[in-house]
Amino acid sequence: SDSEVMSGFADQSRARPGHALICMHPVQAQLFMQDRRVQRLLELGDISDMGASGLLASPTASLRT
């Protein structure tokens, strides 16, 4: 089902009926929010910014040889 698919991307328990939550990296979300089309959808109430959530993580580095 659609809800089973979306639950693989984010916990959907906070989603309004007929809506889905989509997780983004903070940098990705920042760029997303700068798009004028997204800003218009926010103004219309078609999408909502749910803010940051989830585990706090620190970036790491790996070296592959």
N, C-alpha and C. Protein backbone atom coordinates (compact mmCIF):
# COMPACT_ATOMS: atom_id res chain seq x y z
N SER A 1 0.84 -1.19 0.00
CA SER A 1 0.00 0.00 0.00
C SER A 1 0.88 1.25 0.00
N ASP A 2 0.28 2.38 -0.32
CA ASP A 2 1.01 3.64 -0.32
C ASP A 2 1.59 3.95 1.04
N SER A 3 0.81 3.71 2.10
CA SER A 3 1.29 4.02 3.45
C SER A 3 2.46 3.14 3.83
N GLU A 4 2.49 1.90 3.38
CA GLU A 4 3.62 1.02 3.68
C GLU A 4 4.88 1.51 2.97
N VAL A 5 4.73 1.96 1.75
CA VAL A 5 5.88 2.49 1.00
C VAL A 5 6.42 3.73 1.69
N MET A 6 5.53 4.68 2.03
CA MET A 6 5.97 5.93 2.65
C MET A 6 6.57 5.70 4.02
N SER A 7 6.12 4.70 4.75
CA SER A 7 6.67 4.45 6.09
C SER A 7 8.14 4.06 6.00
N GLY A 8 8.58 3.60 4.84
CA GLY A 8 9.99 3.29 4.65
C GLY A 8 10.86 4.53 4.55
N PHE A 9 10.26 5.67 4.25
CA PHE A 9 11.00 6.92 4.13
C PHE A 9 10.96 7.74 5.40
N ALA A 10 9.88 7.68 6.14
CA ALA A 10 9.73 8.47 7.37
C ALA A 10 8.57 7.93 8.18
N ASP A 11 8.64 8.14 9.48
CA ASP A 11 7.52 7.78 10.36
C ASP A 11 6.33 8.65 9.95
N GLN A 12 5.26 8.04 9.54
CA GLN A 12 4.10 8.76 9.01
C GLN A 12 3.06 9.09 10.08
N SER A 13 3.35 8.82 11.35
CA SER A 13 2.35 9.02 12.40
C SER A 13 1.97 10.49 12.58
N ARG A 14 2.84 11.43 12.19
CA ARG A 14 2.54 12.86 12.33
C ARG A 14 1.90 13.45 11.07
N ALA A 15 1.76 12.63 10.03
CA ALA A 15 1.22 13.14 8.76
C ALA A 15 -0.29 13.34 8.85
N ARG A 16 -0.77 14.44 8.27
CA ARG A 16 -2.21 14.68 8.18
C ARG A 16 -2.80 13.69 7.19
N PRO A 17 -4.08 13.37 7.33
CA PRO A 17 -4.72 12.48 6.36
C PRO A 17 -4.54 13.01 4.93
N GLY A 18 -4.17 12.13 4.04
CA GLY A 18 -3.96 12.53 2.65
C GLY A 18 -2.61 13.16 2.37
N HIS A 19 -1.75 13.24 3.39
CA HIS A 19 -0.42 13.82 3.24
C HIS A 19 0.64 12.80 3.63
N ALA A 20 1.87 13.06 3.24
CA ALA A 20 2.99 12.18 3.59
C ALA A 20 4.16 13.02 4.07
N LEU A 21 4.93 12.47 4.99
CA LEU A 21 6.15 13.11 5.46
C LEU A 21 7.32 12.58 4.63
N ILE A 22 8.19 13.47 4.23
CA ILE A 22 9.37 13.09 3.46
C ILE A 22 10.60 13.64 4.17
N CYS A 23 11.50 12.74 4.54
CA CYS A 23 12.74 13.14 5.23
C CYS A 23 13.73 13.72 4.24
N MET A 24 14.46 14.72 4.72
CA MET A 24 15.52 15.33 3.91
C MET A 24 16.69 15.63 4.80
N HIS A 25 17.87 15.60 4.21
CA HIS A 25 19.07 16.07 4.88
C HIS A 25 18.89 17.58 5.07
N PRO A 26 19.41 18.15 6.17
CA PRO A 26 19.22 19.59 6.41
C PRO A 26 19.67 20.48 5.24
N VAL A 27 20.77 20.13 4.60
CA VAL A 27 21.23 20.94 3.46
C VAL A 27 20.25 20.81 2.30
N GLN A 28 19.78 19.61 2.06
CA GLN A 28 18.80 19.37 1.01
C GLN A 28 17.51 20.15 1.29
N ALA A 29 17.07 20.14 2.55
CA ALA A 29 15.86 20.87 2.93
C ALA A 29 16.03 22.37 2.72
N GLN A 30 17.21 22.89 3.05
CA GLN A 30 17.49 24.31 2.86
C GLN A 30 17.35 24.70 1.39
N LEU A 31 17.94 23.90 0.53
CA LEU A 31 17.85 24.17 -0.91
C LEU A 31 16.42 24.03 -1.41
N PHE A 32 15.73 23.03 -0.94
CA PHE A 32 14.33 22.79 -1.30
C PHE A 32 13.48 24.01 -0.95
N MET A 33 13.68 24.55 0.25
CA MET A 33 12.87 25.67 0.72
C MET A 33 13.15 26.97 -0.05
N GLN A 34 14.29 27.05 -0.72
CA GLN A 34 14.63 28.25 -1.48
C GLN A 34 13.94 28.29 -2.85
N ASP A 35 13.44 27.18 -3.30
CA ASP A 35 12.79 27.10 -4.61
C ASP A 35 11.47 27.87 -4.58
N ARG A 36 11.26 28.74 -5.55
CA ARG A 36 10.04 29.58 -5.55
C ARG A 36 8.77 28.75 -5.65
N ARG A 37 8.84 27.60 -6.34
CA ARG A 37 7.66 26.73 -6.44
C ARG A 37 7.30 26.16 -5.07
N VAL A 38 8.32 25.80 -4.31
CA VAL A 38 8.10 25.28 -2.97
C VAL A 38 7.54 26.37 -2.07
N GLN A 39 8.09 27.57 -2.18
CA GLN A 39 7.60 28.69 -1.38
C GLN A 39 6.13 28.95 -1.67
N ARG A 40 5.73 28.83 -2.92
CA ARG A 40 4.32 29.02 -3.28
C ARG A 40 3.45 27.93 -2.66
N LEU A 41 3.90 26.68 -2.71
CA LEU A 41 3.14 25.59 -2.11
C LEU A 41 3.01 25.77 -0.60
N LEU A 42 4.06 26.30 0.03
CA LEU A 42 3.99 26.60 1.47
C LEU A 42 2.94 27.67 1.74
N GLU A 43 2.94 28.73 0.92
CA GLU A 43 1.97 29.81 1.08
C GLU A 43 0.54 29.30 0.93
N LEU A 44 0.33 28.39 0.00
CA LEU A 44 -1.00 27.84 -0.26
C LEU A 44 -1.42 26.81 0.80
N GLY A 45 -0.47 26.36 1.59
CA GLY A 45 -0.77 25.33 2.59
C GLY A 45 -0.79 23.93 2.02
N ASP A 46 -0.32 23.78 0.77
CA ASP A 46 -0.28 22.46 0.15
C ASP A 46 0.82 21.58 0.73
N ILE A 47 1.90 22.22 1.20
CA ILE A 47 2.96 21.50 1.91
C ILE A 47 3.27 22.26 3.19
N SER A 48 3.85 21.57 4.15
CA SER A 48 4.20 22.17 5.44
C SER A 48 5.61 21.79 5.82
N ASP A 49 6.31 22.70 6.45
CA ASP A 49 7.63 22.41 7.01
C ASP A 49 7.42 21.89 8.42
N MET A 50 7.75 20.65 8.65
CA MET A 50 7.55 20.02 9.96
C MET A 50 8.75 20.23 10.88
N GLY A 51 9.81 20.87 10.38
CA GLY A 51 10.98 21.13 11.20
C GLY A 51 11.90 19.93 11.29
N ALA A 52 12.96 20.11 12.04
CA ALA A 52 13.96 19.05 12.21
C ALA A 52 13.45 18.01 13.20
N SER A 53 13.82 16.78 12.95
CA SER A 53 13.47 15.70 13.87
C SER A 53 14.43 14.55 13.64
N GLY A 54 14.32 13.55 14.47
CA GLY A 54 15.16 12.37 14.30
C GLY A 54 16.42 12.45 15.14
N LEU A 55 17.31 11.56 14.85
CA LEU A 55 18.55 11.46 15.60
C LEU A 55 19.52 12.55 15.19
N LEU A 56 20.24 13.08 16.17
CA LEU A 56 21.30 14.03 15.90
C LEU A 56 22.55 13.23 15.54
N ALA A 57 23.15 13.54 14.43
CA ALA A 57 24.33 12.81 13.98
C ALA A 57 25.41 13.79 13.57
N SER A 58 26.63 13.35 13.66
CA SER A 58 27.77 14.15 13.23
C SER A 58 28.35 13.54 11.96
N PRO A 59 28.79 14.38 11.04
CA PRO A 59 29.38 13.83 9.83
C PRO A 59 30.68 13.12 10.14
N THR A 60 30.97 12.12 9.37
CA THR A 60 32.22 11.37 9.53
C THR A 60 32.92 11.34 8.19
N ALA A 61 34.12 10.87 8.21
CA ALA A 61 34.89 10.74 6.98
C ALA A 61 35.36 9.30 6.86
N SER A 62 35.51 8.86 5.65
CA SER A 62 36.08 7.54 5.43
C SER A 62 37.15 7.65 4.36
N LEU A 63 38.10 6.79 4.45
CA LEU A 63 39.19 6.77 3.49
C LEU A 63 39.19 5.41 2.83
N ARG A 64 39.08 5.41 1.54
CA ARG A 64 39.09 4.14 0.81
C ARG A 64 40.34 4.11 -0.06
N THR A 65 41.01 2.99 0.00
CA THR A 65 42.23 2.86 -0.81
C THR A 65 42.10 1.72 -1.78
